[in-house]
Amino acid sequence: MRTELDFAPLYRSSIGFDRVFNLLSNTQRLNAIDTWPAYDIVKTGEDDYRITMAVAGFGDGDLNITQERNVLVIKGGKAEELQGEYLHRGIAGRSFERRFELADHVRVEGADLRHGLLTISLKREVPEAMKPRKIEIGVASSNEPLRLETDRQVA
């Protein structure tokens, strides 16, 4: 059974949304098998987010967090420590790489590792030029076009 959505009709009537359609297509292809390490994503404020990831057994030196444009990449890996023969191994210590697609203007504020939980704080900061602004309606004082004053040199 095919459950993939067809975005072709949207491509015909929209311009500049390629990235959004690619994100939607990519998430459909992800397998639910990749569930380790477990993580939570929490919206803590209007423009604040937090990712908490369970990384028991990993230390500061075993984790690498990078932000490349709109992608947050968290990698974990550690050297194999053989301290005997395992009869049962239930604590996962394998390497991993987890990627999170970030919206425009979202940046990582910091990361903290405590009690086996990696916490990453994110903040969306929309530039002033992109924020909505109120346009005042005024009465035109004259029909003359606006003139720009330039610097005058005094001789």
Protein backbone atom coordinates (compact mmCIF):
# COMPACT_ATOMS: atom_id res chain seq x y z
CA MET A 1 0.00 0.00 0.00
CA ARG A 2 1.42 3.37 -1.01
CA THR A 3 0.89 6.17 1.49
CA GLU A 4 3.18 8.79 -0.04
CA LEU A 5 1.52 12.10 -0.88
CA ASP A 6 1.79 13.62 -4.35
CA PHE A 7 2.82 17.30 -4.22
CA ALA A 8 2.82 17.79 -8.01
CA PRO A 9 -0.39 19.89 -8.06
CA LEU A 10 1.13 22.26 -5.50
CA TYR A 11 4.27 22.74 -7.61
CA ARG A 12 2.09 24.07 -10.44
CA SER A 13 0.58 26.88 -8.39
CA SER A 14 3.33 27.88 -5.95
CA ILE A 15 6.75 29.42 -6.28
CA GLY A 16 9.58 29.24 -3.77
CA PHE A 17 8.13 26.47 -1.60
CA ASP A 18 10.47 23.75 -2.89
CA ARG A 19 12.18 23.42 0.49
CA VAL A 20 8.86 22.84 2.27
CA PHE A 21 7.80 20.16 -0.21
CA ASN A 22 11.20 18.47 0.10
CA LEU A 23 10.90 18.45 3.89
CA LEU A 24 7.46 16.87 3.70
CA SER A 25 8.63 14.27 1.21
CA ASN A 26 11.70 13.39 3.29
CA THR A 27 9.70 12.90 6.49
CA GLN A 28 7.42 10.47 4.69
CA ARG A 29 10.42 8.34 3.73
CA LEU A 30 11.83 8.07 7.25
CA ASN A 31 11.45 4.70 8.89
CA ALA A 32 9.95 4.44 12.35
CA ILE A 33 12.72 1.93 13.12
CA ASP A 34 15.23 4.68 13.96
CA THR A 35 13.93 5.47 17.44
CA TRP A 36 17.21 5.58 19.37
CA PRO A 37 18.14 7.66 21.22
CA ALA A 38 14.78 8.75 22.57
CA TYR A 39 14.08 12.49 22.60
CA ASP A 40 11.43 15.09 23.42
CA ILE A 41 10.77 18.41 21.70
CA VAL A 42 9.05 21.01 23.88
CA LYS A 43 7.86 24.50 23.04
CA THR A 44 8.75 26.47 26.16
CA GLY A 45 7.64 29.93 25.00
CA GLU A 46 6.39 31.84 21.99
CA ASP A 47 9.80 31.62 20.28
CA ASP A 48 11.64 29.18 22.56
CA TYR A 49 12.09 25.44 22.15
CA ARG A 50 13.94 22.67 23.94
CA ILE A 51 15.14 19.27 22.74
CA THR A 52 15.88 16.73 25.46
CA MET A 53 17.64 13.55 24.38
CA ALA A 54 18.35 10.46 26.51
CA VAL A 55 22.05 9.71 26.05
CA ALA A 56 22.84 7.54 29.07
CA GLY A 57 26.46 6.48 29.16
CA PHE A 58 27.71 9.29 26.89
CA GLY A 59 29.91 12.05 28.27
CA ASP A 60 30.63 15.58 27.04
CA GLY A 61 33.52 14.35 24.90
CA ASP A 62 31.39 11.64 23.28
CA LEU A 63 28.83 14.07 21.84
CA ASN A 64 29.15 16.53 18.97
CA ILE A 65 26.46 19.15 18.25
CA THR A 66 26.59 21.29 15.11
CA GLN A 67 24.19 23.63 13.35
CA GLU A 68 24.60 23.77 9.59
CA ARG A 69 22.21 26.35 8.13
CA ASN A 70 18.75 24.97 8.96
CA VAL A 71 19.86 21.56 10.23
CA LEU A 72 20.83 20.66 13.78
CA VAL A 73 23.06 17.56 13.85
CA ILE A 74 23.73 15.63 17.05
CA LYS A 75 26.32 12.85 16.84
CA GLY A 76 27.32 10.48 19.58
CA GLY A 77 30.04 7.90 19.61
CA LYS A 78 32.43 6.42 22.10
CA ALA A 79 35.24 3.94 22.12
CA GLU A 80 34.26 0.39 22.92
CA GLU A 81 35.28 -0.55 26.46
CA LEU A 82 35.60 -4.25 26.96
CA GLN A 83 35.44 -5.03 30.68
CA GLY A 84 34.50 -8.65 30.41
CA GLU A 85 32.06 -10.77 28.48
CA TYR A 86 28.52 -9.41 28.31
CA LEU A 87 25.83 -11.95 29.10
CA HIS A 88 23.17 -9.33 28.39
CA ARG A 89 23.67 -5.86 26.96
CA GLY A 90 20.63 -3.65 27.48
CA ILE A 91 22.30 -0.24 27.73
CA ALA A 92 22.83 0.94 24.19
CA GLY A 93 26.20 2.53 23.61
CA ARG A 94 26.31 2.47 19.84
CA SER A 95 27.10 5.50 17.74
CA PHE A 96 24.23 7.62 16.50
CA GLU A 97 23.46 10.64 14.40
CA ARG A 98 20.19 12.52 14.81
CA ARG A 99 19.19 15.40 12.52
CA PHE A 100 16.55 18.05 13.17
CA GLU A 101 15.32 20.41 10.45
CA LEU A 102 15.13 23.93 11.85
CA ALA A 103 12.90 26.71 10.58
CA ASP A 104 14.47 29.90 9.29
CA HIS A 105 15.91 32.15 12.00
CA VAL A 106 16.06 29.40 14.66
CA ARG A 107 19.41 29.23 16.42
CA VAL A 108 20.89 27.07 19.15
CA GLU A 109 21.32 29.00 22.39
CA GLY A 110 23.13 26.31 24.35
CA ALA A 111 23.41 22.69 25.39
CA ASP A 112 23.69 20.95 28.73
CA LEU A 113 24.35 17.33 29.69
CA ARG A 114 23.03 16.28 33.09
CA HIS A 115 22.04 12.89 34.50
CA GLY A 116 22.20 11.22 31.08
CA LEU A 117 19.94 13.82 29.44
CA LEU A 118 21.24 16.17 26.76
CA THR A 119 19.21 19.38 26.73
CA ILE A 120 19.50 21.78 23.78
CA SER A 121 17.86 25.21 23.97
CA LEU A 122 16.66 26.83 20.73
CA LYS A 123 15.31 30.30 20.02
CA ARG A 124 13.60 31.76 16.97
CA GLU A 125 14.80 35.30 16.32
CA VAL A 126 13.02 36.98 13.44
CA PRO A 127 15.03 39.96 12.14
CA GLU A 128 13.44 43.37 12.62
CA ALA A 129 13.15 43.85 8.86
CA MET A 130 10.93 40.76 8.63
CA LYS A 131 8.65 41.53 11.58
CA PRO A 132 5.24 43.00 10.84
CA ARG A 133 5.14 46.77 11.14
CA LYS A 134 2.26 49.19 11.25
CA ILE A 135 1.98 51.64 8.38
CA GLU A 136 0.51 54.94 9.46
CA ILE A 137 -2.02 56.54 7.13
CA GLY A 138 -1.37 60.20 6.70
CA VAL A 139 -2.51 63.10 4.58
CA ALA A 140 -0.19 64.01 1.73
CA SER A 141 1.06 67.55 2.31
CA SER A 142 1.78 68.28 -1.34
CA ASN A 143 1.82 66.68 -4.74
CA GLU A 144 5.55 67.18 -5.16
CA PRO A 145 7.72 64.06 -5.29
CA LEU A 146 9.99 63.45 -2.34
CA ARG A 147 13.47 64.95 -2.57
CA LEU A 148 16.50 63.54 -0.91
CA GLU A 149 18.89 66.04 0.58
CA THR A 150 22.53 65.33 -0.12
CA ASP A 151 25.58 66.51 1.73
CA ARG A 152 26.57 69.98 0.63
CA GLN A 153 30.18 71.00 0.59
CA VAL A 154 30.94 74.46 1.89
CA ALA A 155 33.77 76.21 0.04
